C-alpha atoms as a PDB file:
ATOM      1  CA  MET A   1     124.364   6.592 128.643  1.00  0.00           C
ATOM      2  CA  LEU A   2     126.754   7.326 126.225  1.00  0.00           C
ATOM      3  CA  ASN A   3     129.809   7.706 128.838  1.00  0.00           C
ATOM      4  CA  VAL A   4     128.958   4.334 130.895  1.00  0.00           C
ATOM      5  CA  GLY A   5     128.561   2.409 127.018  1.00  0.00           C
ATOM      6  CA  LEU A   6     132.208   4.123 126.021  1.00  0.00           C
ATOM      7  CA  THR A   7     133.466   3.590 129.716  1.00  0.00           C
ATOM      8  CA  ALA A   8     132.891  -0.266 129.376  1.00  0.00           C
ATOM      9  CA  ILE A   9     134.135  -0.160 125.938  1.00  0.00           C
ATOM     10  CA  VAL A  10     137.362   1.499 127.354  1.00  0.00           C
ATOM     11  CA  LEU A  11     137.491  -1.229 130.128  1.00  0.00           C
ATOM     12  CA  VAL A  12     137.125  -4.216 127.590  1.00  0.00           C
ATOM     13  CA  ALA A  13     139.462  -2.280 124.837  1.00  0.00           C
ATOM     14  CA  ALA A  14     142.329  -2.042 127.593  1.00  0.00           C
ATOM     15  CA  LEU A  15     141.989  -5.932 128.904  1.00  0.00           C
ATOM     16  CA  LEU A  16     142.292  -6.644 125.178  1.00  0.00           C
ATOM     17  CA  SER A  17     145.683  -4.631 124.861  1.00  0.00           C
ATOM     18  CA  LEU A  18     146.907  -6.230 128.024  1.00  0.00           C
ATOM     19  CA  ALA A  19     145.820  -9.905 126.495  1.00  0.00           C
ATOM     20  CA  VAL A  20     147.230  -9.625 123.275  1.00  0.00           C
ATOM     21  CA  GLY A  21     151.296 -10.160 122.587  1.00  0.00           C
ATOM     22  CA  PRO A  22     153.333 -12.744 121.644  1.00  0.00           C
ATOM     23  CA  ALA A  23     153.788 -14.334 124.813  1.00  0.00           C
ATOM     24  CA  GLY A  24     150.471 -15.339 124.748  1.00  0.00           C
ATOM     25  CA  LEU A  25     149.263 -14.531 128.242  1.00  0.00           C
ATOM     26  CA  GLY A  26     145.712 -14.643 128.427  1.00  0.00           C
ATOM     27  CA  VAL A  27     143.254 -12.057 130.417  1.00  0.00           C
ATOM     28  CA  THR A  28     143.423 -13.453 133.452  1.00  0.00           C
ATOM     29  CA  GLU A  29     147.182 -14.035 133.892  1.00  0.00           C
ATOM     30  CA  SER A  30     147.205 -10.492 132.897  1.00  0.00           C
ATOM     31  CA  VAL A  31     145.442  -8.964 135.938  1.00  0.00           C
ATOM     32  CA  THR A  32     146.531 -11.154 138.214  1.00  0.00           C
ATOM     33  CA  GLY A  33     149.965 -10.538 136.899  1.00  0.00           C
ATOM     34  CA  ILE A  34     149.572  -6.740 137.048  1.00  0.00           C
ATOM     35  CA  VAL A  35     147.729  -6.842 140.888  1.00  0.00           C
ATOM     36  CA  ALA A  36     149.351  -9.571 142.663  1.00  0.00           C
ATOM     37  CA  GLY A  37     152.635  -8.481 141.085  1.00  0.00           C
ATOM     38  CA  GLY A  38     155.334 -11.380 141.334  1.00  0.00           C
ATOM     39  CA  SER A  39     158.892 -11.774 139.258  1.00  0.00           C
ATOM     40  CA  ASP A  40     158.083 -14.342 136.582  1.00  0.00           C
ATOM     41  CA  VAL A  41     158.352 -13.670 133.309  1.00  0.00           C
ATOM     42  CA  GLY A  42     154.764 -13.184 132.769  1.00  0.00           C
ATOM     43  CA  ALA A  43     154.393 -10.767 135.355  1.00  0.00           C
ATOM     44  CA  ILE A  44     157.788  -8.768 134.570  1.00  0.00           C
ATOM     45  CA  ILE A  45     155.980  -8.611 130.772  1.00  0.00           C
ATOM     46  CA  LEU A  46     152.514  -7.468 131.790  1.00  0.00           C
ATOM     47  CA  ARG A  47     154.527  -4.668 134.442  1.00  0.00           C
ATOM     48  CA  GLU A  48     157.229  -3.625 132.031  1.00  0.00           C
ATOM     49  CA  ILE A  49     155.879  -3.952 128.202  1.00  0.00           C
ATOM     50  CA  ARG A  50     152.161  -4.080 128.192  1.00  0.00           C
ATOM     51  CA  LEU A  51     150.809  -2.162 131.216  1.00  0.00           C
ATOM     52  CA  PRO A  52     152.741   1.059 129.626  1.00  0.00           C
ATOM     53  CA  ARG A  53     151.568   0.519 126.444  1.00  0.00           C
ATOM     54  CA  THR A  54     148.004  -0.022 127.212  1.00  0.00           C
ATOM     55  CA  ILE A  55     148.245   3.315 129.411  1.00  0.00           C
ATOM     56  CA  LEU A  56     150.073   5.541 126.616  1.00  0.00           C
ATOM     57  CA  ALA A  57     147.609   4.162 124.427  1.00  0.00           C
ATOM     58  CA  LEU A  58     144.811   5.112 126.404  1.00  0.00           C
ATOM     59  CA  ALA A  59     146.115   8.761 127.405  1.00  0.00           C
ATOM     60  CA  ILE A  60     147.440   9.484 123.809  1.00  0.00           C
ATOM     61  CA  GLY A  61     144.132   8.406 122.481  1.00  0.00           C
ATOM     62  CA  SER A  62     142.296  10.477 124.853  1.00  0.00           C
ATOM     63  CA  THR A  63     144.102  13.290 124.104  1.00  0.00           C
ATOM     64  CA  LEU A  64     143.542  13.440 120.441  1.00  0.00           C
ATOM     65  CA  GLY A  65     139.857  12.691 120.470  1.00  0.00           C
ATOM     66  CA  LEU A  66     139.351  15.547 123.097  1.00  0.00           C
ATOM     67  CA  SER A  67     141.808  18.023 121.236  1.00  0.00           C
ATOM     68  CA  GLY A  68     139.907  17.018 117.724  1.00  0.00           C
ATOM     69  CA  ALA A  69     136.251  18.166 119.806  1.00  0.00           C
ATOM     70  CA  VAL A  70     137.782  21.110 121.170  1.00  0.00           C
ATOM     71  CA  LEU A  71     139.174  22.525 117.874  1.00  0.00           C
ATOM     72  CA  GLN A  72     136.345  21.768 115.645  1.00  0.00           C
ATOM     73  CA  GLY A  73     133.760  23.660 118.261  1.00  0.00           C
ATOM     74  CA  PHE A  74     136.235  26.622 118.887  1.00  0.00           C
ATOM     75  CA  LEU A  75     137.053  26.967 115.037  1.00  0.00           C
ATOM     76  CA  ARG A  76     133.960  26.205 113.541  1.00  0.00           C
ATOM     77  CA  ASN A  77     135.426  23.695 111.403  1.00  0.00           C
ATOM     78  CA  PRO A  78     134.111  20.207 110.763  1.00  0.00           C
ATOM     79  CA  LEU A  79     137.432  19.194 109.106  1.00  0.00           C
ATOM     80  CA  ALA A  80     139.880  20.852 112.561  1.00  0.00           C
ATOM     81  CA  GLU A  81     141.648  18.157 114.098  1.00  0.00           C
ATOM     82  CA  PRO A  82     145.065  18.365 116.223  1.00  0.00           C
ATOM     83  CA  GLY A  83     147.351  18.826 113.598  1.00  0.00           C
ATOM     84  CA  LEU A  84     145.571  21.582 112.141  1.00  0.00           C
ATOM     85  CA  ILE A  85     147.146  23.967 114.632  1.00  0.00           C
ATOM     86  CA  GLY A  86     150.643  22.863 113.541  1.00  0.00           C
ATOM     87  CA  VAL A  87     151.572  21.147 117.301  1.00  0.00           C
ATOM     88  CA  SER A  88     152.504  17.825 116.175  1.00  0.00           C
ATOM     89  CA  GLY A  89     153.839  18.873 113.087  1.00  0.00           C
ATOM     90  CA  MET A  90     156.370  20.857 114.860  1.00  0.00           C
ATOM     91  CA  ALA A  91     156.966  18.353 117.877  1.00  0.00           C
ATOM     92  CA  SER A  92     157.429  15.689 114.842  1.00  0.00           C
ATOM     93  CA  LEU A  93     160.320  18.473 113.591  1.00  0.00           C
ATOM     94  CA  GLY A  94     161.893  18.451 117.015  1.00  0.00           C
ATOM     95  CA  ALA A  95     161.868  14.504 117.291  1.00  0.00           C
ATOM     96  CA  VAL A  96     163.663  14.586 113.941  1.00  0.00           C
ATOM     97  CA  LEU A  97     166.358  17.231 114.350  1.00  0.00           C
ATOM     98  CA  LEU A  98     167.490  14.810 116.973  1.00  0.00           C
ATOM     99  CA  PHE A  99     167.687  12.051 115.286  1.00  0.00           C
ATOM    100  CA  TYR A 100     169.207  14.330 111.983  1.00  0.00           C
ATOM    101  CA  PHE A 101     172.350  15.388 114.197  1.00  0.00           C
ATOM    102  CA  GLY A 102     172.563  11.712 116.052  1.00  0.00           C
ATOM    103  CA  VAL A 103     171.587  12.500 119.818  1.00  0.00           C
ATOM    104  CA  ALA A 104     168.541  11.082 119.765  1.00  0.00           C
ATOM    105  CA  GLY A 105     169.872   8.092 121.574  1.00  0.00           C
ATOM    106  CA  SER A 106     172.169   9.650 124.029  1.00  0.00           C
ATOM    107  CA  ALA A 107     169.170   9.072 127.030  1.00  0.00           C
ATOM    108  CA  LEU A 108     165.525   8.066 127.287  1.00  0.00           C
ATOM    109  CA  TYR A 109     164.543  11.902 127.565  1.00  0.00           C
ATOM    110  CA  VAL A 110     166.319  13.904 124.706  1.00  0.00           C
ATOM    111  CA  LEU A 111     163.907  12.653 122.065  1.00  0.00           C
ATOM    112  CA  PRO A 112     160.715  13.598 124.159  1.00  0.00           C
ATOM    113  CA  ALA A 113     162.082  16.699 125.125  1.00  0.00           C
ATOM    114  CA  GLY A 114     163.380  17.864 121.682  1.00  0.00           C
ATOM    115  CA  ALA A 115     159.551  16.942 120.523  1.00  0.00           C
ATOM    116  CA  LEU A 116     157.966  18.928 123.633  1.00  0.00           C
ATOM    117  CA  LEU A 117     160.804  21.840 122.549  1.00  0.00           C
ATOM    118  CA  GLY A 118     158.981  21.750 118.770  1.00  0.00           C
ATOM    119  CA  ALA A 119     155.061  22.212 120.438  1.00  0.00           C
ATOM    120  CA  LEU A 120     156.149  25.255 122.849  1.00  0.00           C
ATOM    121  CA  ILE A 121     157.635  27.339 119.748  1.00  0.00           C
ATOM    122  CA  ALA A 122     154.699  26.059 117.848  1.00  0.00           C
ATOM    123  CA  VAL A 123     152.241  27.584 120.842  1.00  0.00           C
ATOM    124  CA  VAL A 124     155.006  30.875 120.777  1.00  0.00           C
ATOM    125  CA  LEU A 125     154.604  31.370 117.390  1.00  0.00           C
ATOM    126  CA  LEU A 126     150.415  30.822 117.431  1.00  0.00           C
ATOM    127  CA  LEU A 127     150.250  32.992 119.808  1.00  0.00           C
ATOM    128  CA  VAL A 128     152.402  36.141 118.542  1.00  0.00           C
ATOM    129  CA  LEU A 129     151.224  35.530 115.021  1.00  0.00           C
ATOM    130  CA  ALA A 130     147.141  35.490 116.353  1.00  0.00           C
ATOM    131  CA  ALA A 131     147.469  38.045 119.320  1.00  0.00           C
ATOM    132  CA  ARG A 132     146.587  41.230 117.027  1.00  0.00           C
ATOM    133  CA  SER A 133     143.405  39.389 116.305  1.00  0.00           C
ATOM    134  CA  ASN A 134     140.317  38.136 117.951  1.00  0.00           C
ATOM    135  CA  SER A 135     139.354  35.974 114.519  1.00  0.00           C
ATOM    136  CA  THR A 136     139.837  32.657 114.563  1.00  0.00           C
ATOM    137  CA  LEU A 137     140.332  32.664 110.877  1.00  0.00           C
ATOM    138  CA  THR A 138     143.691  33.725 111.715  1.00  0.00           C
ATOM    139  CA  LEU A 139     144.474  31.193 114.026  1.00  0.00           C
ATOM    140  CA  ILE A 140     143.767  28.639 111.349  1.00  0.00           C
ATOM    141  CA  LEU A 141     146.125  30.292 108.779  1.00  0.00           C
ATOM    142  CA  ALA A 142     148.636  30.657 111.100  1.00  0.00           C
ATOM    143  CA  GLY A 143     148.373  26.795 112.183  1.00  0.00           C
ATOM    144  CA  VAL A 144     148.192  25.697 108.267  1.00  0.00           C
ATOM    145  CA  ALA A 145     151.615  27.930 107.753  1.00  0.00           C
ATOM    146  CA  LEU A 146     153.253  26.361 110.642  1.00  0.00           C
ATOM    147  CA  SER A 147     152.127  22.448 109.625  1.00  0.00           C
ATOM    148  CA  SER A 148     153.296  23.001 106.269  1.00  0.00           C
ATOM    149  CA  LEU A 149     156.707  24.698 107.386  1.00  0.00           C
ATOM    150  CA  ALA A 150     157.256  21.765 109.804  1.00  0.00           C
ATOM    151  CA  GLY A 151     156.311  19.474 106.866  1.00  0.00           C
ATOM    152  CA  ALA A 152     159.110  21.194 104.323  1.00  0.00           C
ATOM    153  CA  LEU A 153     161.419  20.985 106.955  1.00  0.00           C
ATOM    154  CA  THR A 154     160.894  17.297 107.917  1.00  0.00           C
ATOM    155  CA  SER A 155     161.411  16.544 104.349  1.00  0.00           C
ATOM    156  CA  LEU A 156     164.508  18.752 104.375  1.00  0.00           C
ATOM    157  CA  VAL A 157     166.130  16.827 106.832  1.00  0.00           C
ATOM    158  CA  LEU A 158     165.288  13.491 105.638  1.00  0.00           C
ATOM    159  CA  SER A 159     166.428  14.169 101.971  1.00  0.00           C
ATOM    160  CA  LEU A 160     170.020  15.644 103.748  1.00  0.00           C
ATOM    161  CA  SER A 161     170.489  12.716 105.969  1.00  0.00           C
ATOM    162  CA  PRO A 162     173.220  11.301 105.443  1.00  0.00           C
ATOM    163  CA  ASN A 163     172.768   8.010 107.575  1.00  0.00           C
ATOM    164  CA  PRO A 164     170.455   5.676 106.154  1.00  0.00           C
ATOM    165  CA  PHE A 165     169.830   4.049 109.668  1.00  0.00           C
ATOM    166  CA  ALA A 166     168.842   7.816 110.738  1.00  0.00           C
ATOM    167  CA  SER A 167     166.787   8.366 108.048  1.00  0.00           C
ATOM    168  CA  TYR A 168     164.860   4.862 108.984  1.00  0.00           C
ATOM    169  CA  GLU A 169     164.298   5.759 112.736  1.00  0.00           C
ATOM    170  CA  ILE A 170     162.745   9.399 111.096  1.00  0.00           C
ATOM    171  CA  ILE A 171     160.142   7.609 108.933  1.00  0.00           C
ATOM    172  CA  PHE A 172     159.522   5.008 111.869  1.00  0.00           C
ATOM    173  CA  TRP A 173     158.635   8.048 114.301  1.00  0.00           C
ATOM    174  CA  LEU A 174     156.553   9.763 111.671  1.00  0.00           C
ATOM    175  CA  LEU A 175     154.369   7.045 111.247  1.00  0.00           C
ATOM    176  CA  GLY A 176     153.718   6.706 115.090  1.00  0.00           C
ATOM    177  CA  SER A 177     154.491   3.675 117.203  1.00  0.00           C
ATOM    178  CA  LEU A 178     153.995   2.468 120.875  1.00  0.00           C
ATOM    179  CA  LYS A 179     156.341  -0.061 120.731  1.00  0.00           C
ATOM    180  CA  ASP A 180     159.170  -0.425 123.129  1.00  0.00           C
ATOM    181  CA  ARG A 181     157.854   2.288 125.639  1.00  0.00           C
ATOM    182  CA  SER A 182     158.300   1.950 129.325  1.00  0.00           C
ATOM    183  CA  MET A 183     156.757   3.367 132.767  1.00  0.00           C
ATOM    184  CA  GLU A 184     159.449   6.400 132.307  1.00  0.00           C
ATOM    185  CA  HIS A 185     157.786   7.171 129.240  1.00  0.00           C
ATOM    186  CA  VAL A 186     154.134   7.438 131.075  1.00  0.00           C
ATOM    187  CA  TRP A 187     155.450   9.325 133.975  1.00  0.00           C
ATOM    188  CA  LEU A 188     157.281  11.693 131.294  1.00  0.00           C
ATOM    189  CA  ALA A 189     153.944  12.236 129.192  1.00  0.00           C
ATOM    190  CA  LEU A 190     150.944  11.841 130.915  1.00  0.00           C
ATOM    191  CA  PRO A 191     151.465  14.584 133.609  1.00  0.00           C
ATOM    192  CA  LEU A 192     151.915  16.912 130.765  1.00  0.00           C
ATOM    193  CA  MET A 193     148.426  15.558 129.300  1.00  0.00           C
ATOM    194  CA  ILE A 194     146.399  15.680 131.971  1.00  0.00           C
ATOM    195  CA  ALA A 195     147.468  19.417 132.607  1.00  0.00           C
ATOM    196  CA  GLY A 196     146.633  19.944 128.851  1.00  0.00           C
ATOM    197  CA  TRP A 197     143.286  18.321 129.672  1.00  0.00           C
ATOM    198  CA  LEU A 198     142.391  20.586 132.980  1.00  0.00           C
ATOM    199  CA  LEU A 199     143.116  23.397 130.944  1.00  0.00           C
ATOM    200  CA  ILE A 200     140.552  22.149 128.212  1.00  0.00           C
ATOM    201  CA  ALA A 201     138.321  21.422 131.067  1.00  0.00           C
ATOM    202  CA  LEU A 202     138.697  25.093 132.588  1.00  0.00           C
ATOM    203  CA  ALA A 203     137.574  26.379 128.742  1.00  0.00           C
ATOM    204  CA  GLY A 204     134.395  24.562 128.066  1.00  0.00           C
ATOM    205  CA  ARG A 205     132.023  27.570 128.719  1.00  0.00           C
ATOM    206  CA  ALA A 206     134.291  29.481 126.436  1.00  0.00           C
ATOM    207  CA  ILE A 207     134.296  26.726 123.700  1.00  0.00           C
ATOM    208  CA  ASN A 208     130.160  26.693 124.006  1.00  0.00           C
ATOM    209  CA  ALA A 209     130.021  30.413 123.488  1.00  0.00           C
ATOM    210  CA  LEU A 210     132.974  30.805 120.670  1.00  0.00           C
ATOM    211  CA  SER A 211     131.162  27.848 118.335  1.00  0.00           C
ATOM    212  CA  LEU A 212     128.358  30.579 118.206  1.00  0.00           C
ATOM    213  CA  GLY A 213     130.988  32.995 116.714  1.00  0.00           C
ATOM    214  CA  GLU A 214     133.482  35.676 118.146  1.00  0.00           C
ATOM    215  CA  GLU A 215     130.740  38.489 118.185  1.00  0.00           C
ATOM    216  CA  ALA A 216     128.130  36.124 120.210  1.00  0.00           C
ATOM    217  CA  ALA A 217     130.960  34.997 122.666  1.00  0.00           C
ATOM    218  CA  ALA A 218     131.779  38.351 123.450  1.00  0.00           C
ATOM    219  CA  THR A 219     128.328  39.480 124.028  1.00  0.00           C
ATOM    220  CA  MET A 220     128.447  36.743 126.738  1.00  0.00           C
ATOM    221  CA  GLY A 221     131.308  37.780 128.721  1.00  0.00           C
ATOM    222  CA  ILE A 222     133.885  35.760 127.437  1.00  0.00           C
ATOM    223  CA  ASN A 223     137.361  37.262 127.184  1.00  0.00           C
ATOM    224  CA  LEU A 224     138.155  36.128 123.694  1.00  0.00           C
ATOM    225  CA  SER A 225     142.202  36.407 124.289  1.00  0.00           C
ATOM    226  CA  ARG A 226     142.094  34.845 127.332  1.00  0.00           C
ATOM    227  CA  ALA A 227     140.079  31.819 125.767  1.00  0.00           C
ATOM    228  CA  ARG A 228     141.917  31.607 122.916  1.00  0.00           C
ATOM    229  CA  THR A 229     145.137  31.272 124.810  1.00  0.00           C
ATOM    230  CA  VAL A 230     143.929  28.405 127.310  1.00  0.00           C
ATOM    231  CA  ILE A 231     142.525  26.665 124.958  1.00  0.00           C
ATOM    232  CA  VAL A 232     145.749  26.537 122.718  1.00  0.00           C
ATOM    233  CA  LEU A 233     148.048  26.118 125.396  1.00  0.00           C
ATOM    234  CA  GLY A 234     145.954  22.995 126.269  1.00  0.00           C
ATOM    235  CA  VAL A 235     145.591  21.348 123.017  1.00  0.00           C
ATOM    236  CA  ALA A 236     149.371  22.585 122.457  1.00  0.00           C
ATOM    237  CA  LEU A 237     150.490  20.850 125.624  1.00  0.00           C
ATOM    238  CA  SER A 238     148.720  17.592 125.531  1.00  0.00           C
ATOM    239  CA  VAL A 239     149.183  16.894 121.685  1.00  0.00           C
ATOM    240  CA  GLY A 240     152.663  18.291 122.110  1.00  0.00           C
ATOM    241  CA  ALA A 241     153.308  15.430 125.052  1.00  0.00           C
ATOM    242  CA  ALA A 242     151.546  12.731 123.303  1.00  0.00           C
ATOM    243  CA  THR A 243     153.700  13.160 120.339  1.00  0.00           C
ATOM    244  CA  ALA A 244     156.796  13.399 122.151  1.00  0.00           C
ATOM    245  CA  VAL A 245     156.446   9.673 123.100  1.00  0.00           C
ATOM    246  CA  ALA A 246     154.369   8.064 120.388  1.00  0.00           C
ATOM    247  CA  GLY A 247     155.357  10.348 117.228  1.00  0.00           C
ATOM    248  CA  ALA A 248     152.552  11.271 114.777  1.00  0.00           C
ATOM    249  CA  ILE A 249     149.368   9.745 115.245  1.00  0.00           C
ATOM    250  CA  GLY A 250     146.354  11.013 112.998  1.00  0.00           C
ATOM    251  CA  PHE A 251     142.992  11.090 112.179  1.00  0.00           C
ATOM    252  CA  ILE A 252     141.843  10.181 115.870  1.00  0.00           C
ATOM    253  CA  GLY A 253     140.969  13.679 116.487  1.00  0.00           C
ATOM    254  CA  LEU A 254     138.910  14.025 112.891  1.00  0.00           C
ATOM    255  CA  MET A 255     137.470  11.102 113.093  1.00  0.00           C
ATOM    256  CA  VAL A 256     135.821  10.655 117.036  1.00  0.00           C
ATOM    257  CA  PRO A 257     133.852  13.518 117.301  1.00  0.00           C
ATOM    258  CA  HIS A 258     132.374  13.019 114.315  1.00  0.00           C
ATOM    259  CA  LEU A 259     131.062   9.854 114.969  1.00  0.00           C
ATOM    260  CA  LEU A 260     130.111  10.479 118.347  1.00  0.00           C
ATOM    261  CA  ARG A 261     128.401  14.154 117.744  1.00  0.00           C
ATOM    262  CA  PRO A 262     124.753  12.612 116.653  1.00  0.00           C
ATOM    263  CA  PHE A 263     124.570  10.844 119.937  1.00  0.00           C
ATOM    264  CA  THR A 264     125.254  14.478 121.864  1.00  0.00           C
ATOM    265  CA  SER A 265     123.078  17.600 122.495  1.00  0.00           C
ATOM    266  CA  GLY A 266     125.438  19.029 119.545  1.00  0.00           C
ATOM    267  CA  MET A 267     127.079  21.242 122.145  1.00  0.00           C
ATOM    268  CA  PRO A 268     131.329  21.264 121.711  1.00  0.00           C
ATOM    269  CA  ARG A 269     131.160  20.839 125.812  1.00  0.00           C
ATOM    270  CA  GLN A 270     128.933  17.890 125.839  1.00  0.00           C
ATOM    271  CA  LEU A 271     130.801  16.134 123.129  1.00  0.00           C
ATOM    272  CA  LEU A 272     134.452  16.463 125.339  1.00  0.00           C
ATOM    273  CA  LEU A 273     134.208  13.412 127.313  1.00  0.00           C
ATOM    274  CA  PRO A 274     133.135  11.085 125.093  1.00  0.00           C
ATOM    275  CA  SER A 275     135.279  12.172 122.493  1.00  0.00           C
ATOM    276  CA  ALA A 276     138.325  11.654 125.219  1.00  0.00           C
ATOM    277  CA  LEU A 277     137.020   8.085 125.563  1.00  0.00           C
ATOM    278  CA  GLY A 278     136.326   7.323 122.104  1.00  0.00           C
ATOM    279  CA  GLY A 279     139.677   8.101 121.397  1.00  0.00           C
ATOM    280  CA  GLY A 280     141.383   6.380 123.929  1.00  0.00           C
ATOM    281  CA  ALA A 281     138.933   3.363 123.139  1.00  0.00           C
ATOM    282  CA  LEU A 282     139.785   3.782 119.245  1.00  0.00           C
ATOM    283  CA  LEU A 283     143.781   3.795 119.979  1.00  0.00           C
ATOM    284  CA  LEU A 284     143.659   0.974 122.216  1.00  0.00           C
ATOM    285  CA  VAL A 285     142.093  -1.223 119.400  1.00  0.00           C
ATOM    286  CA  ALA A 286     144.032   0.153 116.765  1.00  0.00           C
ATOM    287  CA  ASP A 287     147.322  -1.019 118.778  1.00  0.00           C
ATOM    288  CA  THR A 288     146.026  -4.197 119.793  1.00  0.00           C
ATOM    289  CA  VAL A 289     145.603  -5.378 115.658  1.00  0.00           C
ATOM    290  CA  CYS A 290     149.028  -3.886 115.123  1.00  0.00           C
ATOM    291  CA  ARG A 291     150.149  -6.775 117.289  1.00  0.00           C
ATOM    292  CA  VAL A 292     147.707  -9.396 115.936  1.00  0.00           C
ATOM    293  CA  VAL A 293     147.898  -8.518 112.223  1.00  0.00           C
ATOM    294  CA  LEU A 294     151.864  -8.968 112.009  1.00  0.00           C
ATOM    295  CA  PRO A 295     152.891 -10.135 115.293  1.00  0.00           C
ATOM    296  CA  ALA A 296     156.312 -10.756 113.867  1.00  0.00           C
ATOM    297  CA  SER A 297     157.594  -6.928 112.648  1.00  0.00           C
ATOM    298  CA  GLU A 298     154.131  -5.422 113.885  1.00  0.00           C
ATOM    299  CA  LEU A 299     152.794  -2.401 111.902  1.00  0.00           C
ATOM    300  CA  ASN A 300     152.848   1.022 113.190  1.00  0.00           C
ATOM    301  CA  VAL A 301     149.760   2.439 114.978  1.00  0.00           C
ATOM    302  CA  GLY A 302     150.010   5.416 112.656  1.00  0.00           C
ATOM    303  CA  VAL A 303     149.641   3.264 109.659  1.00  0.00           C
ATOM    304  CA  VAL A 304     146.568   2.027 111.381  1.00  0.00           C
ATOM    305  CA  THR A 305     144.781   4.825 112.003  1.00  0.00           C
ATOM    306  CA  ALA A 306     145.441   6.538 108.350  1.00  0.00           C
ATOM    307  CA  LEU A 307     144.357   3.480 106.800  1.00  0.00           C
ATOM    308  CA  ILE A 308     140.736   3.897 108.909  1.00  0.00           C
ATOM    309  CA  GLY A 309     140.762   7.584 108.604  1.00  0.00           C
ATOM    310  CA  ALA A 310     141.927   8.234 105.070  1.00  0.00           C
ATOM    311  CA  PRO A 311     138.533   7.031 103.353  1.00  0.00           C
ATOM    312  CA  PHE A 312     136.501   8.558 106.780  1.00  0.00           C
ATOM    313  CA  PHE A 313     138.094  11.897 105.704  1.00  0.00           C
ATOM    314  CA  LEU A 314     137.075  11.414 102.003  1.00  0.00           C
ATOM    315  CA  TRP A 315     133.412  10.831 102.705  1.00  0.00           C
ATOM    316  CA  LEU A 316     133.803  13.595 105.336  1.00  0.00           C
ATOM    317  CA  VAL A 317     134.688  16.016 102.754  1.00  0.00           C
ATOM    318  CA  VAL A 318     131.854  14.819 100.101  1.00  0.00           C
ATOM    319  CA  ARG A 319     129.563  15.392 102.920  1.00  0.00           C
ATOM    320  CA  THR A 320     129.970  18.676 103.622  1.00  0.00           C
ATOM    321  CA  ARG A 321     130.375  19.656 100.561  1.00  0.00           C
ATOM    322  CA  ARG A 322     126.696  18.136  99.354  1.00  0.00           C
ATOM    323  CA  GLU A 323     125.728  20.031 102.768  1.00  0.00           C
ATOM    324  CA  VAL A 324     127.254  23.340 101.666  1.00  0.00           C
ATOM    325  CA  ALA A 325     125.756  23.059  98.300  1.00  0.00           C
END
């Protein structure tokens, strides 16, 4: 029932995303314009502007929610989220460097390619740093180190940037946005995100076992090294692709699994699909809010998710501390 209810929420949020915008097209016109096609202005707006944005919001939100659920179970850390292992930070750094050197706008695929390269470097470094250890603590420490390094280098690039326009683009990217995305961005990122989802799904049994600890998982016949590699690759591939087209969008991977966990059995594998659906619904709603609150200038969706997520994070920290005490 949970998945059915979340699917209904996703459908409603997607329809609202298609219907909301400065053009003032309604839900009926939106659906008709997409299904029936046509060359009028309304149909072109829906197919070329709103539909790509809706697809990306759903896919990226699903990726972040799914990745958060996986990492919280795998690392046995209630505060884990996609940024913890450093992939999103390194992906953002790859994009920021392209802005700094002035080549980000030379072609449509240059900026996403730079972000994906940063995510790939993060994966390689993570696997190398944690290769000789079966402890998830080593992986967490390696991820924190990568995140800190990426943040420091990004700040350095910002401070050294001689071009104010490049600095503006860097800041805009770091805030996360789905504005002005096209179907080319969808075709670039969606296959990579789907590949990451499949890898995570393949590791479902291992995720349940690892939530009980490395020793327990090993006694259940889980190959710890292989499971870690598959999970890290799945999260990195999907989150890297999401960051490559939308920039850094935080807190969804932290909030959604915690909100939905009380409605599941508590096992990480049973939380994966609800978290993906919940993440997609949340980002669809957040992106719609961006277009409604300030329609003239439009907020960055990363700002909206941070405004929602930061108080939630503080509440979660306080609750966790009380439970430990």
